[in-house]
Amino acid sequence: MNTPTDLTLRTHGPQATTAMLDTLTDIWTAAHTGHDDVADAGFTPDALRRQITGHTRHDHFTLVTAHPAGEGAPIGFGYGFRCSPAYWFGLTLLSTISSPVTTVDTLAGLCELAVLPAWQGRGVGSTIHHALVDALATDWASLLAMPGEDRPEQRLYRRLGYHYAGPYQPAPDAPVLDLLLLYQGC
């Protein structure tokens, strides 16, 4: 992986993540400013805090932060954890996916990827993503995204090699998201 020369990456576990919760929330909020559909779908800073706090309990929880070269506060982050396909997709959706991913023991479930607006478009998100997927060390990665091929994050995920696997609705009152899969095994 080629890290832009103006970045330093750091990998963190659950304890450090909990201590950084305010910073992560600030980055996420800035990255989603002006995206009213995200808030309308129920994705808010408070929901993010609850989500991160709950996810730190998973085995192999990993947070990657990007910092300006040298020192400085994070300017982007991504996190995820290893899990079973049954956990990530849910039993109902698992039976509808026509992919070998349904038979693996573990996959990387990526939960968030956010970069401060001033740093977007400079390879920071791709760099964080690659470091996170490498740290989780699975052949398959999956994530959820707001629907719409014209969205910047959807374009990024396609460039990274993700493919649409179907709609995902975690609960009857939850928004329908796009389930994306990445195979990087040999």
C-alpha atoms as a PDB file:
ATOM      1  CA  MET A   1       0.000   0.000   0.000  1.00  0.00           C
ATOM      2  CA  ASN A   2       1.282   3.465  -0.861  1.00  0.00           C
ATOM      3  CA  THR A   3       0.644   5.906   1.960  1.00  0.00           C
ATOM      4  CA  PRO A   4       0.583   9.552   0.897  1.00  0.00           C
ATOM      5  CA  THR A   5       3.789  11.120   2.187  1.00  0.00           C
ATOM      6  CA  ASP A   6       1.852  13.699   4.203  1.00  0.00           C
ATOM      7  CA  LEU A   7       0.149  11.013   6.358  1.00  0.00           C
ATOM      8  CA  THR A   8       0.953   8.903   9.358  1.00  0.00           C
ATOM      9  CA  LEU A   9      -1.356   5.978  10.136  1.00  0.00           C
ATOM     10  CA  ARG A  10      -1.989   4.606  13.607  1.00  0.00           C
ATOM     11  CA  THR A  11      -3.834   1.436  14.582  1.00  0.00           C
ATOM     12  CA  HIS A  12      -5.810   1.327  17.827  1.00  0.00           C
ATOM     13  CA  GLY A  13      -7.759  -1.192  19.858  1.00  0.00           C
ATOM     14  CA  PRO A  14     -10.934  -0.756  21.915  1.00  0.00           C
ATOM     15  CA  GLN A  15      -9.503   1.195  24.887  1.00  0.00           C
ATOM     16  CA  ALA A  16      -7.826   3.862  22.790  1.00  0.00           C
ATOM     17  CA  THR A  17     -10.954   4.114  20.635  1.00  0.00           C
ATOM     18  CA  THR A  18     -13.149   4.823  23.649  1.00  0.00           C
ATOM     19  CA  ALA A  19     -10.755   7.572  24.740  1.00  0.00           C
ATOM     20  CA  MET A  20     -10.930   9.112  21.230  1.00  0.00           C
ATOM     21  CA  LEU A  21     -14.718   9.032  20.917  1.00  0.00           C
ATOM     22  CA  ASP A  22     -15.141  12.838  20.896  1.00  0.00           C
ATOM     23  CA  THR A  23     -12.512  13.261  18.171  1.00  0.00           C
ATOM     24  CA  LEU A  24     -13.978  10.484  16.028  1.00  0.00           C
ATOM     25  CA  THR A  25     -17.451  11.967  16.367  1.00  0.00           C
ATOM     26  CA  ASP A  26     -16.158  15.410  15.353  1.00  0.00           C
ATOM     27  CA  ILE A  27     -14.485  13.986  12.237  1.00  0.00           C
ATOM     28  CA  TRP A  28     -17.591  12.006  11.301  1.00  0.00           C
ATOM     29  CA  THR A  29     -19.856  15.035  11.832  1.00  0.00           C
ATOM     30  CA  ALA A  30     -17.655  17.290   9.688  1.00  0.00           C
ATOM     31  CA  ALA A  31     -17.484  14.642   6.941  1.00  0.00           C
ATOM     32  CA  HIS A  32     -21.287  14.412   6.866  1.00  0.00           C
ATOM     33  CA  THR A  33     -22.094  18.131   7.011  1.00  0.00           C
ATOM     34  CA  GLY A  34     -24.644  18.939   4.327  1.00  0.00           C
ATOM     35  CA  HIS A  35     -25.680  15.299   3.907  1.00  0.00           C
ATOM     36  CA  ASP A  36     -29.216  15.698   5.227  1.00  0.00           C
ATOM     37  CA  ASP A  37     -30.195  12.249   3.970  1.00  0.00           C
ATOM     38  CA  VAL A  38     -27.703  10.712   6.416  1.00  0.00           C
ATOM     39  CA  ALA A  39     -29.350  12.440   9.398  1.00  0.00           C
ATOM     40  CA  ASP A  40     -32.820  11.717   7.991  1.00  0.00           C
ATOM     41  CA  ALA A  41     -31.884   8.030   7.929  1.00  0.00           C
ATOM     42  CA  GLY A  42     -31.127   8.173  11.656  1.00  0.00           C
ATOM     43  CA  PHE A  43     -27.356   8.389  11.435  1.00  0.00           C
ATOM     44  CA  THR A  44     -26.437  11.058  13.967  1.00  0.00           C
ATOM     45  CA  PRO A  45     -23.417  11.827  16.149  1.00  0.00           C
ATOM     46  CA  ASP A  46     -25.174  10.264  19.165  1.00  0.00           C
ATOM     47  CA  ALA A  47     -25.992   7.140  17.159  1.00  0.00           C
ATOM     48  CA  LEU A  48     -22.348   6.956  16.055  1.00  0.00           C
ATOM     49  CA  ARG A  49     -21.162   7.111  19.676  1.00  0.00           C
ATOM     50  CA  ARG A  50     -23.491   4.255  20.641  1.00  0.00           C
ATOM     51  CA  GLN A  51     -22.437   2.263  17.585  1.00  0.00           C
ATOM     52  CA  ILE A  52     -18.709   2.627  18.220  1.00  0.00           C
ATOM     53  CA  THR A  53     -19.094   1.877  21.926  1.00  0.00           C
ATOM     54  CA  GLY A  54     -21.032  -1.304  21.125  1.00  0.00           C
ATOM     55  CA  HIS A  55     -18.629  -2.411  18.407  1.00  0.00           C
ATOM     56  CA  THR A  56     -15.527  -2.090  20.614  1.00  0.00           C
ATOM     57  CA  ARG A  57     -16.730  -5.259  22.361  1.00  0.00           C
ATOM     58  CA  HIS A  58     -16.097  -7.398  19.266  1.00  0.00           C
ATOM     59  CA  ASP A  59     -13.018  -9.556  18.938  1.00  0.00           C
ATOM     60  CA  HIS A  60     -10.463  -8.111  16.555  1.00  0.00           C
ATOM     61  CA  PHE A  61     -11.980  -4.615  16.757  1.00  0.00           C
ATOM     62  CA  THR A  62      -9.585  -2.310  14.920  1.00  0.00           C
ATOM     63  CA  LEU A  63      -9.510   1.456  14.451  1.00  0.00           C
ATOM     64  CA  VAL A  64      -7.143   3.127  11.984  1.00  0.00           C
ATOM     65  CA  THR A  65      -6.560   6.871  12.218  1.00  0.00           C
ATOM     66  CA  ALA A  66      -4.760   9.098   9.724  1.00  0.00           C
ATOM     67  CA  HIS A  67      -2.728  12.068  10.945  1.00  0.00           C
ATOM     68  CA  PRO A  68      -0.775  14.766   9.148  1.00  0.00           C
ATOM     69  CA  ALA A  69       2.850  13.581   8.858  1.00  0.00           C
ATOM     70  CA  GLY A  70       4.498  13.643  12.232  1.00  0.00           C
ATOM     71  CA  GLU A  71       2.121  14.633  14.983  1.00  0.00           C
ATOM     72  CA  GLY A  72      -1.287  16.180  15.087  1.00  0.00           C
ATOM     73  CA  ALA A  73      -4.901  15.316  15.630  1.00  0.00           C
ATOM     74  CA  PRO A  74      -6.497  12.695  13.387  1.00  0.00           C
ATOM     75  CA  ILE A  75      -7.926  13.944  10.105  1.00  0.00           C
ATOM     76  CA  GLY A  76      -9.688  10.692   9.238  1.00  0.00           C
ATOM     77  CA  PHE A  77     -10.523   7.261  10.565  1.00  0.00           C
ATOM     78  CA  GLY A  78     -12.015   3.910   9.731  1.00  0.00           C
ATOM     79  CA  TYR A  79     -12.955   1.006  11.922  1.00  0.00           C
ATOM     80  CA  GLY A  80     -14.276  -2.508  11.734  1.00  0.00           C
ATOM     81  CA  PHE A  81     -13.965  -5.981  13.162  1.00  0.00           C
ATOM     82  CA  ARG A  82     -13.859  -9.606  12.122  1.00  0.00           C
ATOM     83  CA  CYS A  83     -17.163 -11.442  12.295  1.00  0.00           C
ATOM     84  CA  SER A  84     -19.067 -14.340  10.788  1.00  0.00           C
ATOM     85  CA  PRO A  85     -21.200 -13.859   7.691  1.00  0.00           C
ATOM     86  CA  ALA A  86     -24.260 -14.888   9.744  1.00  0.00           C
ATOM     87  CA  TYR A  87     -23.567 -12.058  12.206  1.00  0.00           C
ATOM     88  CA  TRP A  88     -22.820  -9.425   9.554  1.00  0.00           C
ATOM     89  CA  PHE A  89     -25.633 -10.189   7.117  1.00  0.00           C
ATOM     90  CA  GLY A  90     -28.212 -11.701   9.476  1.00  0.00           C
ATOM     91  CA  LEU A  91     -29.753 -15.090   8.824  1.00  0.00           C
ATOM     92  CA  THR A  92     -32.517 -13.761   6.567  1.00  0.00           C
ATOM     93  CA  LEU A  93     -30.211 -11.869   4.225  1.00  0.00           C
ATOM     94  CA  LEU A  94     -27.500 -14.555   4.342  1.00  0.00           C
ATOM     95  CA  SER A  95     -29.737 -16.999   2.457  1.00  0.00           C
ATOM     96  CA  THR A  96     -30.301 -14.485  -0.378  1.00  0.00           C
ATOM     97  CA  ILE A  97     -26.638 -13.726  -1.101  1.00  0.00           C
ATOM     98  CA  SER A  98     -25.233 -15.683  -4.016  1.00  0.00           C
ATOM     99  CA  SER A  99     -21.555 -15.417  -3.214  1.00  0.00           C
ATOM    100  CA  PRO A 100     -18.873 -17.671  -1.733  1.00  0.00           C
ATOM    101  CA  VAL A 101     -18.632 -15.157   1.156  1.00  0.00           C
ATOM    102  CA  THR A 102     -21.546 -16.945   2.833  1.00  0.00           C
ATOM    103  CA  THR A 103     -19.392 -20.025   3.473  1.00  0.00           C
ATOM    104  CA  VAL A 104     -16.278 -18.408   4.989  1.00  0.00           C
ATOM    105  CA  ASP A 105     -15.549 -18.435   8.706  1.00  0.00           C
ATOM    106  CA  THR A 106     -14.849 -14.713   9.005  1.00  0.00           C
ATOM    107  CA  LEU A 107     -15.035 -11.522   7.039  1.00  0.00           C
ATOM    108  CA  ALA A 108     -14.057  -7.944   7.766  1.00  0.00           C
ATOM    109  CA  GLY A 109     -17.132  -5.924   8.660  1.00  0.00           C
ATOM    110  CA  LEU A 110     -16.224  -2.288   8.013  1.00  0.00           C
ATOM    111  CA  CYS A 111     -18.414   0.108   9.944  1.00  0.00           C
ATOM    112  CA  GLU A 112     -17.237   3.664   9.354  1.00  0.00           C
ATOM    113  CA  LEU A 113     -14.812   5.552   7.162  1.00  0.00           C
ATOM    114  CA  ALA A 114     -14.706   9.336   7.525  1.00  0.00           C
ATOM    115  CA  VAL A 115     -12.239  12.036   6.459  1.00  0.00           C
ATOM    116  CA  LEU A 116     -12.319  15.738   7.255  1.00  0.00           C
ATOM    117  CA  PRO A 117     -13.536  17.698   4.208  1.00  0.00           C
ATOM    118  CA  ALA A 118     -10.238  19.602   3.791  1.00  0.00           C
ATOM    119  CA  TRP A 119      -8.450  16.255   3.354  1.00  0.00           C
ATOM    120  CA  GLN A 120     -10.979  14.532   1.070  1.00  0.00           C
ATOM    121  CA  GLY A 121      -9.937  13.730  -2.486  1.00  0.00           C
ATOM    122  CA  ARG A 122      -6.284  13.228  -1.510  1.00  0.00           C
ATOM    123  CA  GLY A 123      -6.213   9.457  -1.067  1.00  0.00           C
ATOM    124  CA  VAL A 124      -6.738   9.542   2.702  1.00  0.00           C
ATOM    125  CA  GLY A 125      -9.913   7.429   2.647  1.00  0.00           C
ATOM    126  CA  SER A 126      -8.341   4.822   0.360  1.00  0.00           C
ATOM    127  CA  THR A 127      -5.226   4.689   2.521  1.00  0.00           C
ATOM    128  CA  ILE A 128      -7.234   4.221   5.722  1.00  0.00           C
ATOM    129  CA  HIS A 129      -9.375   1.558   4.035  1.00  0.00           C
ATOM    130  CA  HIS A 130      -6.369  -0.452   2.836  1.00  0.00           C
ATOM    131  CA  ALA A 131      -4.700  -0.297   6.256  1.00  0.00           C
ATOM    132  CA  LEU A 132      -7.901  -1.381   7.991  1.00  0.00           C
ATOM    133  CA  VAL A 133      -8.567  -4.293   5.646  1.00  0.00           C
ATOM    134  CA  ASP A 134      -4.925  -5.384   5.944  1.00  0.00           C
ATOM    135  CA  ALA A 135      -5.103  -5.230   9.750  1.00  0.00           C
ATOM    136  CA  LEU A 136      -8.279  -7.335   9.827  1.00  0.00           C
ATOM    137  CA  ALA A 137      -6.614  -9.906   7.536  1.00  0.00           C
ATOM    138  CA  THR A 138      -9.584 -11.611   5.867  1.00  0.00           C
ATOM    139  CA  ASP A 139     -10.231 -12.558   2.243  1.00  0.00           C
ATOM    140  CA  TRP A 140     -13.597 -10.792   2.252  1.00  0.00           C
ATOM    141  CA  ALA A 141     -14.672  -7.342   3.412  1.00  0.00           C
ATOM    142  CA  SER A 142     -18.177  -5.954   3.535  1.00  0.00           C
ATOM    143  CA  LEU A 143     -19.707  -2.599   4.299  1.00  0.00           C
ATOM    144  CA  LEU A 144     -22.992  -0.747   4.098  1.00  0.00           C
ATOM    145  CA  ALA A 145     -23.446   2.491   2.189  1.00  0.00           C
ATOM    146  CA  MET A 146     -26.193   4.972   1.527  1.00  0.00           C
ATOM    147  CA  PRO A 147     -27.773   4.021  -1.818  1.00  0.00           C
ATOM    148  CA  GLY A 148     -26.894   5.889  -4.970  1.00  0.00           C
ATOM    149  CA  GLU A 149     -24.117   5.195  -7.458  1.00  0.00           C
ATOM    150  CA  ASP A 150     -23.493   8.917  -7.894  1.00  0.00           C
ATOM    151  CA  ARG A 151     -22.547   9.418  -4.227  1.00  0.00           C
ATOM    152  CA  PRO A 152     -18.808  10.144  -3.670  1.00  0.00           C
ATOM    153  CA  GLU A 153     -18.438   7.294  -1.170  1.00  0.00           C
ATOM    154  CA  GLN A 154     -20.042   4.845  -3.619  1.00  0.00           C
ATOM    155  CA  ARG A 155     -17.558   5.922  -6.316  1.00  0.00           C
ATOM    156  CA  LEU A 156     -14.702   5.389  -3.834  1.00  0.00           C
ATOM    157  CA  TYR A 157     -15.927   1.907  -2.931  1.00  0.00           C
ATOM    158  CA  ARG A 158     -16.228   0.912  -6.598  1.00  0.00           C
ATOM    159  CA  ARG A 159     -12.657   2.152  -7.211  1.00  0.00           C
ATOM    160  CA  LEU A 160     -11.544   0.001  -4.274  1.00  0.00           C
ATOM    161  CA  GLY A 161     -13.147  -3.049  -5.903  1.00  0.00           C
ATOM    162  CA  TYR A 162     -16.448  -3.388  -4.029  1.00  0.00           C
ATOM    163  CA  HIS A 163     -19.492  -4.864  -5.753  1.00  0.00           C
ATOM    164  CA  TYR A 164     -23.145  -4.428  -4.928  1.00  0.00           C
ATOM    165  CA  ALA A 165     -24.541  -7.535  -3.202  1.00  0.00           C
ATOM    166  CA  GLY A 166     -28.082  -6.359  -2.534  1.00  0.00           C
ATOM    167  CA  PRO A 167     -30.237  -4.162  -0.350  1.00  0.00           C
ATOM    168  CA  TYR A 168     -29.796  -4.326   3.423  1.00  0.00           C
ATOM    169  CA  GLN A 169     -32.386  -3.212   5.950  1.00  0.00           C
ATOM    170  CA  PRO A 170     -31.365  -4.062   9.523  1.00  0.00           C
ATOM    171  CA  ALA A 171     -34.851  -3.455  10.962  1.00  0.00           C
ATOM    172  CA  PRO A 172     -38.325  -2.710   9.556  1.00  0.00           C
ATOM    173  CA  ASP A 173     -38.081   0.980  10.518  1.00  0.00           C
ATOM    174  CA  ALA A 174     -34.438   1.327   9.397  1.00  0.00           C
ATOM    175  CA  PRO A 175     -33.333   2.759   6.052  1.00  0.00           C
ATOM    176  CA  VAL A 176     -32.489   0.447   3.174  1.00  0.00           C
ATOM    177  CA  LEU A 177     -28.750   0.561   2.521  1.00  0.00           C
ATOM    178  CA  ASP A 178     -26.525  -0.932  -0.162  1.00  0.00           C
ATOM    179  CA  LEU A 179     -24.603  -4.021   0.940  1.00  0.00           C
ATOM    180  CA  LEU A 180     -21.185  -4.015  -0.747  1.00  0.00           C
ATOM    181  CA  LEU A 181     -18.635  -6.858  -0.908  1.00  0.00           C
ATOM    182  CA  LEU A 182     -14.925  -6.924  -1.637  1.00  0.00           C
ATOM    183  CA  TYR A 183     -12.999 -10.104  -2.354  1.00  0.00           C
ATOM    184  CA  GLN A 184      -9.257  -9.745  -2.005  1.00  0.00           C
ATOM    185  CA  GLY A 185      -8.191 -13.355  -1.535  1.00  0.00           C
ATOM    186  CA  CYS A 186      -5.954 -15.218  -3.911  1.00  0.00           C
END
